Amino acid sequence: MAETIDDISIDWTDEEGVQKVRELKKEVLTRGAWATVMFAYQEVGRGEEEFGPVKFRVGRYQKRNGRFSPHSKFNISSVKQARQVVEILQTWINEYGEDE
């Protein structure tokens, strides 16, 4: 768990000291008691030794007792799927207008 939003990371190393998830980029979308963070990352698959293709994650974190803990996440498993999400969102934004 992290004390600040900036401390949140999805880097992960197993008990043998082998890095299994490598965070490439992080963008904080919202701050507050509920934070939304987007990541670009790579992971090593089971039985593999190399990092795989880039994936994406949107995570929600809740601050309780002074620490942020993960609450929910949505993984985008490929660049192709990410492009589809962006395309659909852009269509909807154009259709429904911007709310700022």
C-alpha atoms as a PDB file:
ATOM      1  CA  MET A   1       0.000   0.000   0.000  1.00  0.00           C
ATOM      2  CA  ALA A   2       1.129   3.547  -0.702  1.00  0.00           C
ATOM      3  CA  GLU A   3       0.889   6.684   1.419  1.00  0.00           C
ATOM      4  CA  THR A   4       0.624   9.025  -1.574  1.00  0.00           C
ATOM      5  CA  ILE A   5      -0.713   8.664  -5.095  1.00  0.00           C
ATOM      6  CA  ASP A   6       2.787   9.249  -6.420  1.00  0.00           C
ATOM      7  CA  ASP A   7       3.999   6.184  -4.464  1.00  0.00           C
ATOM      8  CA  ILE A   8       1.524   3.872  -6.217  1.00  0.00           C
ATOM      9  CA  SER A   9       3.268   1.454  -8.579  1.00  0.00           C
ATOM     10  CA  ILE A  10       2.428  -1.830 -10.259  1.00  0.00           C
ATOM     11  CA  ASP A  11       6.058  -2.989 -10.422  1.00  0.00           C
ATOM     12  CA  TRP A  12       6.127  -6.469  -8.911  1.00  0.00           C
ATOM     13  CA  THR A  13       8.976  -8.793  -8.008  1.00  0.00           C
ATOM     14  CA  ASP A  14       8.365 -12.374  -6.860  1.00  0.00           C
ATOM     15  CA  GLU A  15       9.728 -13.958  -3.691  1.00  0.00           C
ATOM     16  CA  GLU A  16      12.826 -15.136  -5.584  1.00  0.00           C
ATOM     17  CA  GLY A  17      13.719 -11.574  -6.553  1.00  0.00           C
ATOM     18  CA  VAL A  18      12.648 -11.888 -10.211  1.00  0.00           C
ATOM     19  CA  GLN A  19      10.753  -8.897 -11.590  1.00  0.00           C
ATOM     20  CA  LYS A  20       7.466 -10.112 -13.066  1.00  0.00           C
ATOM     21  CA  VAL A  21       5.685  -6.806 -13.795  1.00  0.00           C
ATOM     22  CA  ARG A  22       7.504  -3.739 -15.101  1.00  0.00           C
ATOM     23  CA  GLU A  23       5.731  -0.385 -14.990  1.00  0.00           C
ATOM     24  CA  LEU A  24       6.593   1.687 -18.072  1.00  0.00           C
ATOM     25  CA  LYS A  25       4.436   4.794 -17.596  1.00  0.00           C
ATOM     26  CA  LYS A  26       1.954   6.138 -15.073  1.00  0.00           C
ATOM     27  CA  GLU A  27      -0.616   8.938 -15.301  1.00  0.00           C
ATOM     28  CA  VAL A  28      -2.788  10.045 -12.402  1.00  0.00           C
ATOM     29  CA  LEU A  29      -6.267  10.815 -13.753  1.00  0.00           C
ATOM     30  CA  THR A  30      -7.945  11.832 -10.481  1.00  0.00           C
ATOM     31  CA  ARG A  31      -6.705  12.595  -6.988  1.00  0.00           C
ATOM     32  CA  GLY A  32      -8.494  12.554  -3.664  1.00  0.00           C
ATOM     33  CA  ALA A  33      -9.925   9.891  -1.357  1.00  0.00           C
ATOM     34  CA  TRP A  34     -10.553   7.889  -4.524  1.00  0.00           C
ATOM     35  CA  ALA A  35      -7.728   8.049  -7.062  1.00  0.00           C
ATOM     36  CA  THR A  36      -7.751   6.808 -10.647  1.00  0.00           C
ATOM     37  CA  VAL A  37      -4.394   5.875 -12.166  1.00  0.00           C
ATOM     38  CA  MET A  38      -3.532   4.623 -15.656  1.00  0.00           C
ATOM     39  CA  PHE A  39      -0.454   2.479 -16.330  1.00  0.00           C
ATOM     40  CA  ALA A  40       1.452   1.111 -19.313  1.00  0.00           C
ATOM     41  CA  TYR A  41       3.288  -2.055 -18.293  1.00  0.00           C
ATOM     42  CA  GLN A  42       4.817  -5.353 -19.334  1.00  0.00           C
ATOM     43  CA  GLU A  43       4.763  -8.675 -17.557  1.00  0.00           C
ATOM     44  CA  VAL A  44       6.599 -11.967 -17.729  1.00  0.00           C
ATOM     45  CA  GLY A  45       4.218 -14.839 -18.451  1.00  0.00           C
ATOM     46  CA  ARG A  46       4.269 -18.148 -16.602  1.00  0.00           C
ATOM     47  CA  GLY A  47       7.186 -20.276 -17.703  1.00  0.00           C
ATOM     48  CA  GLU A  48       8.681 -17.390 -19.676  1.00  0.00           C
ATOM     49  CA  GLU A  49      11.813 -15.362 -19.055  1.00  0.00           C
ATOM     50  CA  GLU A  50      11.234 -12.285 -21.237  1.00  0.00           C
ATOM     51  CA  PHE A  51       8.793  -9.436 -20.781  1.00  0.00           C
ATOM     52  CA  GLY A  52       5.821  -9.664 -23.118  1.00  0.00           C
ATOM     53  CA  PRO A  53       4.036  -6.977 -25.127  1.00  0.00           C
ATOM     54  CA  VAL A  54       2.885  -3.690 -23.647  1.00  0.00           C
ATOM     55  CA  LYS A  55      -0.430  -3.790 -21.793  1.00  0.00           C
ATOM     56  CA  PHE A  56      -2.464  -1.104 -20.079  1.00  0.00           C
ATOM     57  CA  ARG A  57      -4.341  -0.831 -16.793  1.00  0.00           C
ATOM     58  CA  VAL A  58      -6.730   1.641 -15.222  1.00  0.00           C
ATOM     59  CA  GLY A  59      -6.808   1.244 -11.460  1.00  0.00           C
ATOM     60  CA  ARG A  60      -8.937   2.759  -8.708  1.00  0.00           C
ATOM     61  CA  TYR A  61      -7.394   3.262  -5.298  1.00  0.00           C
ATOM     62  CA  GLN A  62      -9.111   4.209  -2.056  1.00  0.00           C
ATOM     63  CA  LYS A  63      -7.391   6.104   0.729  1.00  0.00           C
ATOM     64  CA  ARG A  64      -8.121   4.572   4.134  1.00  0.00           C
ATOM     65  CA  ASN A  65      -6.207   5.146   7.342  1.00  0.00           C
ATOM     66  CA  GLY A  66      -3.716   7.341   5.487  1.00  0.00           C
ATOM     67  CA  ARG A  67      -2.823   4.728   2.857  1.00  0.00           C
ATOM     68  CA  PHE A  68      -4.001   4.016  -0.683  1.00  0.00           C
ATOM     69  CA  SER A  69      -5.107   0.468  -1.354  1.00  0.00           C
ATOM     70  CA  PRO A  70      -6.220  -1.009  -4.681  1.00  0.00           C
ATOM     71  CA  HIS A  71      -9.954  -1.289  -5.083  1.00  0.00           C
ATOM     72  CA  SER A  72     -10.583  -2.232  -8.721  1.00  0.00           C
ATOM     73  CA  LYS A  73      -8.748  -2.466 -12.015  1.00  0.00           C
ATOM     74  CA  PHE A  74      -9.398  -2.844 -15.703  1.00  0.00           C
ATOM     75  CA  ASN A  75      -6.680  -4.407 -17.846  1.00  0.00           C
ATOM     76  CA  ILE A  76      -6.333  -3.795 -21.573  1.00  0.00           C
ATOM     77  CA  SER A  77      -4.432  -6.779 -22.892  1.00  0.00           C
ATOM     78  CA  SER A  78      -2.967  -5.407 -26.120  1.00  0.00           C
ATOM     79  CA  VAL A  79      -2.239  -2.301 -28.145  1.00  0.00           C
ATOM     80  CA  LYS A  80      -4.954  -3.439 -30.583  1.00  0.00           C
ATOM     81  CA  GLN A  81      -7.556  -3.547 -27.829  1.00  0.00           C
ATOM     82  CA  ALA A  82      -6.348  -0.154 -26.515  1.00  0.00           C
ATOM     83  CA  ARG A  83      -6.836   1.358 -29.982  1.00  0.00           C
ATOM     84  CA  GLN A  84     -10.384  -0.046 -30.068  1.00  0.00           C
ATOM     85  CA  VAL A  85     -11.178   1.484 -26.672  1.00  0.00           C
ATOM     86  CA  VAL A  86      -9.786   4.859 -27.780  1.00  0.00           C
ATOM     87  CA  GLU A  87     -11.749   4.714 -31.041  1.00  0.00           C
ATOM     88  CA  ILE A  88     -15.033   3.943 -29.297  1.00  0.00           C
ATOM     89  CA  LEU A  89     -14.470   6.598 -26.631  1.00  0.00           C
ATOM     90  CA  GLN A  90     -13.664   9.185 -29.303  1.00  0.00           C
ATOM     91  CA  THR A  91     -16.875   8.310 -31.149  1.00  0.00           C
ATOM     92  CA  TRP A  92     -18.916   8.652 -27.970  1.00  0.00           C
ATOM     93  CA  ILE A  93     -17.217  11.930 -27.010  1.00  0.00           C
ATOM     94  CA  ASN A  94     -17.995  13.341 -30.445  1.00  0.00           C
ATOM     95  CA  GLU A  95     -21.588  12.111 -30.203  1.00  0.00           C
ATOM     96  CA  TYR A  96     -22.384  13.286 -26.694  1.00  0.00           C
ATOM     97  CA  GLY A  97     -20.165  16.362 -26.465  1.00  0.00           C
ATOM     98  CA  GLU A  98     -17.619  17.312 -23.897  1.00  0.00           C
ATOM     99  CA  ASP A  99     -18.484  17.830 -20.255  1.00  0.00           C
ATOM    100  CA  GLU A 100     -15.897  19.970 -18.532  1.00  0.00           C
END
